[in-house]
Every structure is written in structure tokens, then in C-alpha cells.
Amino acid sequence: MSQFSHLTEKGELHMVDISKKADTERVAIAKAEVIFPEEIYPKIISQDVPKGDFLTCAKVAGIFAAKRTSELIPLCHPLPISKIDIKFNFIPEKFALEITGEVKTTAKTGVEMEALTAVSVAALTIYDMCKSLHKGIKITNLRLVYKTGGKSGEVILENM
């Protein structure tokens, strides 16, 4: 009935059986941006935020989130994650903070959702820790920029 892997022949939702797939090294990189109102951006750059070290807190939250993706996204398989790295890059001309998350595993399925979940939760944590400065903070441009491993091989969606 469907070409979608998460639907049975009868159109019923199910978790895909990956048991016959080979383990391969998998990497996924995702990004998101947090855009701040101009008037508070100097405090963001200097990390002068009442709740404290928001970057470290966001990094830890993103790591935790990546490890728990299968508990948050119903049809994701639990994976043995071998690496999670989250980096931050200030973009002053946009009053932005770019978050990049890289996740690695050797498994039967990819880690795209783990990378996307990591940067999403890191961004949400930054919002939570900085919202007392201004309610107009925006989380935007969440996307997968790179993946490798499995049947599709290397996919570059954006220059990194």
C-alpha cells in the first residue's frame, strides 16, 4: 500500500525492522540558530546572563537529549552512540548563535534524529536560560547538514 518504510502493507504504523541490516559507521551533523533581539546581544556575547553559564548547560542538555532520542521520537531505534559533540558559533551580524551537533555510531540505522534532537534541545535550553533578558528570542533554521553511512552513503546538504 505504501512506499513509506514506517507503514505496513495495510497502512498501519510500525517500527522498521532493521535486524537484517549491516552495522556501518554513521555520522550526522545538524544545525540550528538562536536569534536574539539586538539590545540583548552584547549580554549574550559576554555570557552575562542571570541564570549563569548557558552554553555549558545547553551543551550538556543537547548531549542528554541525543542519548534519549528513542524515548522522545516514537519510531526511532535506541542506538549505541559513540560520540556527541556540540559547538557554538556567535554570528554578530545576525545577532545569532549557531549550534552545531555531530553524532556518531556504528549501527544498523542512522543518527540524523539524534543530531537534530541534540541541537533542538540545546537551543531550547539557551532560550530557557536567556528568556529573562527578552521574550523575543527566536529558534530558527533547524536542519540536517550532513550524514554518512548506510545505503545512502554520504549526503552533504550544506557547506559546513
Protein backbone atom coordinates (compact mmCIF):
# COMPACT_ATOMS: atom_id res chain seq x y z
CA MET A 1 0.00 0.00 0.00
CA SER A 2 2.76 2.44 0.87
CA GLN A 3 6.34 3.23 -0.06
CA PHE A 4 6.89 4.70 3.39
CA SER A 5 9.04 2.40 5.50
CA HIS A 6 7.10 3.13 8.68
CA LEU A 7 3.83 1.81 7.26
CA THR A 8 2.87 -1.82 6.80
CA GLU A 9 1.23 -3.14 3.62
CA LYS A 10 -2.11 -2.35 5.29
CA GLY A 11 -1.07 1.22 6.03
CA GLU A 12 -0.51 0.63 9.74
CA LEU A 13 2.27 2.41 11.58
CA HIS A 14 5.19 0.24 12.77
CA MET A 15 8.84 0.47 13.74
CA VAL A 16 11.02 -0.62 10.83
CA ASP A 17 12.76 -3.98 11.24
CA ILE A 18 16.48 -3.26 10.90
CA SER A 19 17.67 -6.66 12.12
CA LYS A 20 18.99 -7.75 8.71
CA LYS A 21 20.89 -4.52 8.03
CA ALA A 22 24.65 -4.45 8.46
CA ASP A 23 26.29 -2.29 11.08
CA THR A 24 28.12 0.63 9.48
CA GLU A 25 29.75 3.74 10.84
CA ARG A 26 27.18 6.54 10.79
CA VAL A 27 27.65 10.25 11.28
CA ALA A 28 25.09 13.06 11.24
CA ILE A 29 25.57 16.79 11.67
CA ALA A 30 22.69 19.15 12.38
CA LYS A 31 22.49 22.87 12.98
CA ALA A 32 20.08 25.39 14.46
CA GLU A 33 20.22 29.09 15.20
CA VAL A 34 19.07 31.14 18.14
CA ILE A 35 18.37 34.74 17.13
CA PHE A 36 18.46 37.38 19.85
CA PRO A 37 17.00 40.88 19.89
CA GLU A 38 19.79 43.36 19.14
CA GLU A 39 19.54 45.10 22.52
CA ILE A 40 20.45 41.95 24.50
CA TYR A 41 23.06 40.53 22.12
CA PRO A 42 26.00 42.19 23.96
CA LYS A 43 24.97 40.28 27.11
CA ILE A 44 24.78 37.05 25.09
CA ILE A 45 28.25 37.57 23.59
CA SER A 46 29.73 38.34 27.01
CA GLN A 47 27.68 35.49 28.51
CA ASP A 48 26.31 37.86 31.14
CA VAL A 49 23.06 36.01 31.76
CA PRO A 50 21.31 35.89 35.16
CA LYS A 51 20.89 32.09 35.08
CA GLY A 52 24.61 31.54 34.54
CA ASP A 53 26.68 29.53 32.07
CA PHE A 54 24.04 28.93 29.42
CA LEU A 55 26.45 27.45 26.86
CA THR A 56 27.70 24.68 29.13
CA CYS A 57 24.18 23.95 30.27
CA ALA A 58 22.95 23.82 26.65
CA LYS A 59 25.79 21.52 25.64
CA VAL A 60 25.00 19.06 28.44
CA ALA A 61 21.27 19.22 27.67
CA GLY A 62 21.95 18.52 23.98
CA ILE A 63 24.14 15.54 24.84
CA PHE A 64 21.48 14.14 27.17
CA ALA A 65 18.81 14.68 24.52
CA ALA A 66 20.75 12.88 21.79
CA LYS A 67 21.17 9.87 24.08
CA ARG A 68 17.42 9.80 24.80
CA THR A 69 16.09 10.40 21.27
CA SER A 70 14.44 6.98 21.04
CA GLU A 71 12.43 7.85 24.16
CA LEU A 72 11.19 11.09 22.58
CA ILE A 73 10.59 10.17 18.92
CA PRO A 74 8.29 7.13 18.85
CA LEU A 75 9.71 5.21 15.88
CA CYS A 76 13.43 5.83 16.49
CA HIS A 77 15.58 2.87 17.44
CA PRO A 78 17.78 3.09 20.55
CA LEU A 79 21.38 3.38 19.36
CA PRO A 80 24.83 2.87 20.89
CA ILE A 81 26.11 6.40 20.42
CA SER A 82 29.89 6.62 20.28
CA LYS A 83 30.28 10.42 20.01
CA ILE A 84 28.24 13.54 20.57
CA ASP A 85 29.82 16.94 20.06
CA ILE A 86 28.01 20.26 20.31
CA LYS A 87 29.65 23.52 19.31
CA PHE A 88 28.53 27.14 19.39
CA ASN A 89 29.40 29.92 16.97
CA PHE A 90 28.38 33.54 17.51
CA ILE A 91 27.23 35.32 14.34
CA PRO A 92 27.19 39.03 15.35
CA GLU A 93 25.88 40.35 12.02
CA LYS A 94 22.70 38.28 12.55
CA PHE A 95 22.59 38.68 16.37
CA ALA A 96 22.65 34.90 16.35
CA LEU A 97 24.21 31.90 17.99
CA GLU A 98 24.62 28.90 15.69
CA ILE A 99 24.53 25.47 17.29
CA THR A 100 26.18 22.53 15.55
CA GLY A 101 25.71 18.97 16.75
CA GLU A 102 27.62 15.95 15.49
CA VAL A 103 26.63 12.43 16.45
CA LYS A 104 28.42 9.16 15.59
CA THR A 105 27.60 5.49 15.96
CA THR A 106 28.32 2.14 14.43
CA ALA A 107 24.87 0.65 13.99
CA LYS A 108 22.16 -0.56 11.62
CA THR A 109 20.44 2.82 11.31
CA GLY A 110 21.49 6.45 11.19
CA VAL A 111 21.82 9.16 13.80
CA GLU A 112 20.12 12.04 11.98
CA MET A 113 17.34 12.26 14.55
CA GLU A 114 19.84 12.21 17.40
CA ALA A 115 21.78 15.13 15.89
CA LEU A 116 18.57 17.09 15.25
CA THR A 117 17.31 16.37 18.76
CA ALA A 118 20.63 17.43 20.28
CA VAL A 119 20.65 20.87 18.64
CA SER A 120 16.91 21.34 19.25
CA VAL A 121 17.22 20.76 22.97
CA ALA A 122 20.41 22.82 23.18
CA ALA A 123 18.51 25.70 21.52
CA LEU A 124 15.55 25.28 23.88
CA THR A 125 17.92 25.34 26.85
CA ILE A 126 19.50 28.56 25.62
CA TYR A 127 16.04 30.07 25.23
CA ASP A 128 15.11 29.00 28.75
CA MET A 129 18.27 30.41 30.29
CA CYS A 130 18.13 33.71 28.37
CA LYS A 131 14.38 34.45 28.26
CA SER A 132 14.56 36.66 31.36
CA LEU A 133 16.53 39.14 29.24
CA HIS A 134 13.90 39.30 26.47
CA LYS A 135 10.92 37.23 25.35
CA GLY A 136 11.66 37.90 21.66
CA ILE A 137 14.37 35.24 21.29
CA LYS A 138 13.78 33.02 18.25
CA ILE A 139 14.88 29.49 17.48
CA THR A 140 15.21 29.02 13.74
CA ASN A 141 16.79 27.17 10.84
CA LEU A 142 16.90 23.70 12.37
CA ARG A 143 18.31 21.39 9.71
CA LEU A 144 20.40 18.36 8.89
CA VAL A 145 23.56 19.44 7.06
CA TYR A 146 25.44 16.16 6.65
CA LYS A 147 25.08 12.43 7.03
CA THR A 148 27.07 9.38 6.09
CA GLY A 149 26.73 5.64 6.41
CA GLY A 150 24.20 3.07 5.36
CA LYS A 151 22.55 2.64 1.99
CA SER A 152 22.53 6.34 1.04
CA GLY A 153 26.24 6.81 1.75
CA GLU A 154 27.49 10.37 2.14
CA VAL A 155 24.93 13.15 1.83
CA ILE A 156 26.11 16.76 2.03
CA LEU A 157 23.15 19.12 2.37
CA GLU A 158 25.06 22.27 3.23
CA ASN A 159 28.63 23.50 3.35
CA MET A 160 29.91 23.10 6.84
